[in-house]
N, C-alpha and C. Protein backbone atom coordinates (compact mmCIF):
# COMPACT_ATOMS: atom_id res chain seq x y z
N MET A 1 22.76 47.49 48.06
CA MET A 1 23.29 48.93 48.26
C MET A 1 23.37 49.09 49.54
N ASN A 2 24.37 49.65 50.05
CA ASN A 2 24.61 50.10 51.64
C ASN A 2 23.88 51.52 51.74
N LYS A 3 23.26 51.60 52.83
CA LYS A 3 22.50 52.85 53.24
C LYS A 3 23.25 53.57 54.26
N GLY A 4 24.92 53.45 54.40
CA GLY A 4 25.73 54.07 55.34
C GLY A 4 25.81 55.63 54.83
N PHE A 5 26.76 56.11 55.72
CA PHE A 5 27.22 57.54 55.40
C PHE A 5 27.84 57.86 54.06
N THR A 6 27.50 59.08 53.52
CA THR A 6 28.33 59.41 52.39
C THR A 6 29.65 59.89 53.02
N GLU A 7 30.65 60.11 52.21
CA GLU A 7 31.81 60.93 52.81
C GLU A 7 31.30 62.35 53.20
N LYS A 8 30.60 63.09 52.60
CA LYS A 8 30.16 64.38 53.12
C LYS A 8 29.55 64.38 54.23
N GLU A 9 28.56 63.36 54.38
CA GLU A 9 27.72 63.21 55.65
C GLU A 9 28.70 63.15 56.95
N ALA A 10 29.49 61.98 56.52
CA ALA A 10 30.37 61.77 57.74
C ALA A 10 31.42 62.72 58.24
N LYS A 11 31.93 63.32 57.22
CA LYS A 11 33.02 64.29 57.55
C LYS A 11 32.29 65.52 58.49
N ARG A 12 30.92 65.72 58.07
CA ARG A 12 30.26 67.09 58.60
C ARG A 12 29.93 66.61 60.03
N LEU A 13 30.00 65.32 60.29
CA LEU A 13 29.67 65.06 61.68
C LEU A 13 30.86 65.11 62.92
N ILE A 14 31.95 65.37 62.19
CA ILE A 14 33.17 65.35 63.12
C ILE A 14 32.99 66.82 63.81
N GLY A 15 33.39 66.63 65.12
CA GLY A 15 33.02 67.67 65.99
C GLY A 15 31.59 67.68 66.67
N LYS A 16 30.72 67.07 66.11
CA LYS A 16 29.36 66.90 66.71
C LYS A 16 29.41 66.08 67.85
N SER A 17 28.42 66.26 68.84
CA SER A 17 28.22 65.32 70.07
C SER A 17 27.07 64.63 69.93
N PHE A 18 27.11 63.47 70.39
CA PHE A 18 25.71 62.55 70.51
C PHE A 18 25.72 62.02 71.98
N GLU A 19 24.49 61.48 72.18
CA GLU A 19 24.16 60.85 73.53
C GLU A 19 23.47 59.47 73.30
N THR A 20 23.79 58.45 74.06
CA THR A 20 23.19 57.13 73.70
C THR A 20 21.94 57.14 74.29
N ARG A 21 20.89 56.68 73.56
CA ARG A 21 19.25 56.36 73.86
C ARG A 21 19.18 55.23 74.50
N ALA A 22 20.21 54.32 74.60
CA ALA A 22 20.15 52.85 74.96
C ALA A 22 21.50 52.45 75.27
N PRO A 23 21.72 51.38 76.03
CA PRO A 23 22.99 50.75 76.40
C PRO A 23 23.47 50.22 75.02
N PHE A 24 24.68 50.68 74.43
CA PHE A 24 25.03 49.90 73.19
C PHE A 24 26.42 49.66 73.26
N SER A 25 26.76 48.54 72.83
CA SER A 25 28.24 48.37 72.55
C SER A 25 29.15 48.56 73.79
N GLY A 26 28.73 48.27 75.03
CA GLY A 26 29.56 48.57 76.14
C GLY A 26 29.52 50.04 76.61
N VAL A 27 28.74 50.87 75.82
CA VAL A 27 28.51 52.28 76.51
C VAL A 27 27.34 52.52 77.08
N PRO A 28 27.12 52.78 78.33
CA PRO A 28 25.99 53.06 78.93
C PRO A 28 24.83 54.01 78.58
N LEU A 29 23.76 53.86 78.78
CA LEU A 29 22.64 54.88 78.58
C LEU A 29 23.00 56.36 78.88
N ARG A 30 22.70 57.30 77.98
CA ARG A 30 22.79 58.65 78.39
C ARG A 30 24.46 58.97 78.36
N THR A 31 25.12 58.23 77.73
CA THR A 31 26.53 58.54 77.82
C THR A 31 26.86 59.41 76.58
N ARG A 32 27.52 60.55 76.69
CA ARG A 32 27.95 61.77 75.78
C ARG A 32 29.36 61.36 75.08
N GLY A 33 29.30 61.59 73.78
CA GLY A 33 30.55 61.50 73.03
C GLY A 33 30.63 62.51 71.79
N THR A 34 31.90 62.57 71.50
CA THR A 34 32.17 63.36 70.30
C THR A 34 32.65 62.57 69.03
N VAL A 35 32.22 62.93 67.90
CA VAL A 35 32.68 62.30 66.76
C VAL A 35 33.88 62.80 66.28
N THR A 36 35.09 62.29 66.23
CA THR A 36 36.43 62.49 65.96
C THR A 36 37.07 62.31 64.60
N GLU A 37 36.60 61.39 64.07
CA GLU A 37 37.03 60.98 62.72
C GLU A 37 35.93 60.27 61.81
N ALA A 38 36.26 60.22 60.47
CA ALA A 38 35.45 59.42 59.50
C ALA A 38 36.40 58.80 58.81
N LEU A 39 35.84 57.39 58.42
CA LEU A 39 36.59 56.50 57.72
C LEU A 39 35.69 55.83 56.67
N ASN A 40 36.59 55.82 55.53
CA ASN A 40 36.06 55.17 54.33
C ASN A 40 36.27 53.50 54.47
N SER A 41 34.79 53.04 54.46
CA SER A 41 34.84 51.44 54.52
C SER A 41 34.18 50.75 53.45
N GLN A 42 34.99 51.10 52.27
CA GLN A 42 34.65 50.56 50.94
C GLN A 42 33.48 51.05 50.30
N ASP A 43 32.36 50.75 50.51
CA ASP A 43 31.05 51.26 49.81
C ASP A 43 30.20 52.43 50.94
N HIS A 44 30.66 52.58 51.78
CA HIS A 44 30.19 53.68 52.84
C HIS A 44 31.15 54.31 53.69
N TRP A 45 30.80 55.14 54.41
CA TRP A 45 31.87 55.76 55.66
C TRP A 45 31.00 55.44 56.83
N ASN A 46 32.03 55.34 57.82
CA ASN A 46 31.68 55.26 59.40
C ASN A 46 32.28 56.57 60.19
N VAL A 47 31.95 56.55 61.40
CA VAL A 47 32.55 57.71 62.26
C VAL A 47 32.99 57.10 63.55
N MET A 48 33.97 57.77 63.95
CA MET A 48 34.51 57.35 65.23
C MET A 48 34.02 58.32 66.42
N ILE A 49 33.48 57.83 67.49
CA ILE A 49 32.85 58.61 68.60
C ILE A 49 33.82 58.22 69.86
N GLU A 50 34.42 59.32 70.28
CA GLU A 50 35.09 59.16 71.71
C GLU A 50 34.16 59.52 72.96
N TRP A 51 33.79 58.52 73.53
CA TRP A 51 32.72 58.56 74.74
C TRP A 51 33.44 59.10 75.99
N VAL A 52 32.88 59.89 76.75
CA VAL A 52 33.16 60.38 78.07
C VAL A 52 32.65 59.53 78.98
N LEU A 53 33.83 58.73 79.55
CA LEU A 53 33.40 57.81 80.63
C LEU A 53 34.24 57.91 81.71
N PRO A 54 33.93 57.40 82.95
CA PRO A 54 35.05 57.58 84.10
C PRO A 54 36.08 56.94 83.70
N GLY A 55 37.36 57.56 84.10
CA GLY A 55 38.73 56.85 83.80
C GLY A 55 39.22 57.47 82.46
N LYS A 56 39.40 56.57 81.76
CA LYS A 56 39.69 56.52 80.25
C LYS A 56 38.67 56.74 79.01
N PRO A 57 38.67 57.66 78.47
CA PRO A 57 37.87 57.90 77.29
C PRO A 57 37.72 56.49 76.25
N VAL A 58 36.65 56.02 75.87
CA VAL A 58 36.40 54.78 75.21
C VAL A 58 36.07 55.29 73.54
N LYS A 59 36.73 54.87 72.62
CA LYS A 59 36.34 55.22 71.28
C LYS A 59 35.99 53.98 70.51
N GLY A 60 35.09 54.17 69.66
CA GLY A 60 34.32 53.11 68.79
C GLY A 60 34.05 53.56 67.53
N TRP A 61 34.03 52.75 66.39
CA TRP A 61 33.67 53.17 65.09
C TRP A 61 32.08 52.82 64.90
N TYR A 62 31.25 53.73 64.10
CA TYR A 62 29.71 53.39 64.16
C TYR A 62 29.20 53.75 62.81
N SER A 63 28.43 53.01 62.27
CA SER A 63 27.58 53.07 61.22
C SER A 63 26.45 54.13 61.31
N LYS A 64 25.88 54.67 60.27
CA LYS A 64 24.87 55.53 60.07
C LYS A 64 23.70 54.92 60.84
N GLN A 65 23.33 53.52 60.75
CA GLN A 65 22.35 52.90 61.10
C GLN A 65 22.35 52.90 62.73
N GLU A 66 23.57 52.57 63.12
CA GLU A 66 23.81 52.59 64.78
C GLU A 66 23.54 53.98 65.26
N LEU A 67 23.98 55.11 64.65
CA LEU A 67 23.68 56.28 65.20
C LEU A 67 22.26 56.72 65.06
N GLN A 68 21.61 56.37 64.01
CA GLN A 68 20.02 56.66 63.89
C GLN A 68 19.45 55.81 64.98
N ASN A 69 19.69 54.42 65.31
CA ASN A 69 19.08 53.56 66.01
C ASN A 69 19.41 53.83 67.70
N TYR A 70 20.58 54.18 68.07
CA TYR A 70 20.98 54.05 69.39
C TYR A 70 21.55 55.42 69.93
N MET A 71 21.64 56.56 69.14
CA MET A 71 22.09 57.59 69.66
C MET A 71 21.16 58.95 68.97
N HIS A 72 21.46 60.08 69.78
CA HIS A 72 20.71 61.31 69.38
C HIS A 72 21.84 62.50 69.36
N LEU A 73 21.78 63.19 68.33
CA LEU A 73 22.67 64.44 68.36
C LEU A 73 22.28 65.53 69.53
N ILE A 74 23.37 65.94 70.07
CA ILE A 74 23.10 67.04 71.14
C ILE A 74 23.39 68.27 70.62
N ALA A 75 22.30 69.18 70.74
CA ALA A 75 22.44 70.49 70.20
C ALA A 75 23.64 71.24 71.01
N PRO A 76 24.52 72.19 70.15
CA PRO A 76 25.35 72.82 70.98
C PRO A 76 24.89 73.99 71.79
N PRO A 77 25.47 74.26 72.81
CA PRO A 77 24.91 75.34 74.00
C PRO A 77 24.66 76.51 73.12
N ALA A 78 23.43 77.24 73.47
CA ALA A 78 23.09 78.47 72.91
C ALA A 78 24.16 79.64 73.36
């Protein structure tokens, strides 16, 4: 059984910002990005993050495990 996102979990992350805790998948350490989409991947859901990098934004699909291991949620400004 896959321990990925449920549909509800993935869709709830849309609009949330994350920061990398380690270089990962070509994205440098401490890069920030925002979840823009959720995708049904048969037995679980993934989220797309658009990273803020110099030049053109970079987008990638990530699993729940990848978010937990390589990123952390950025609290919105108070």
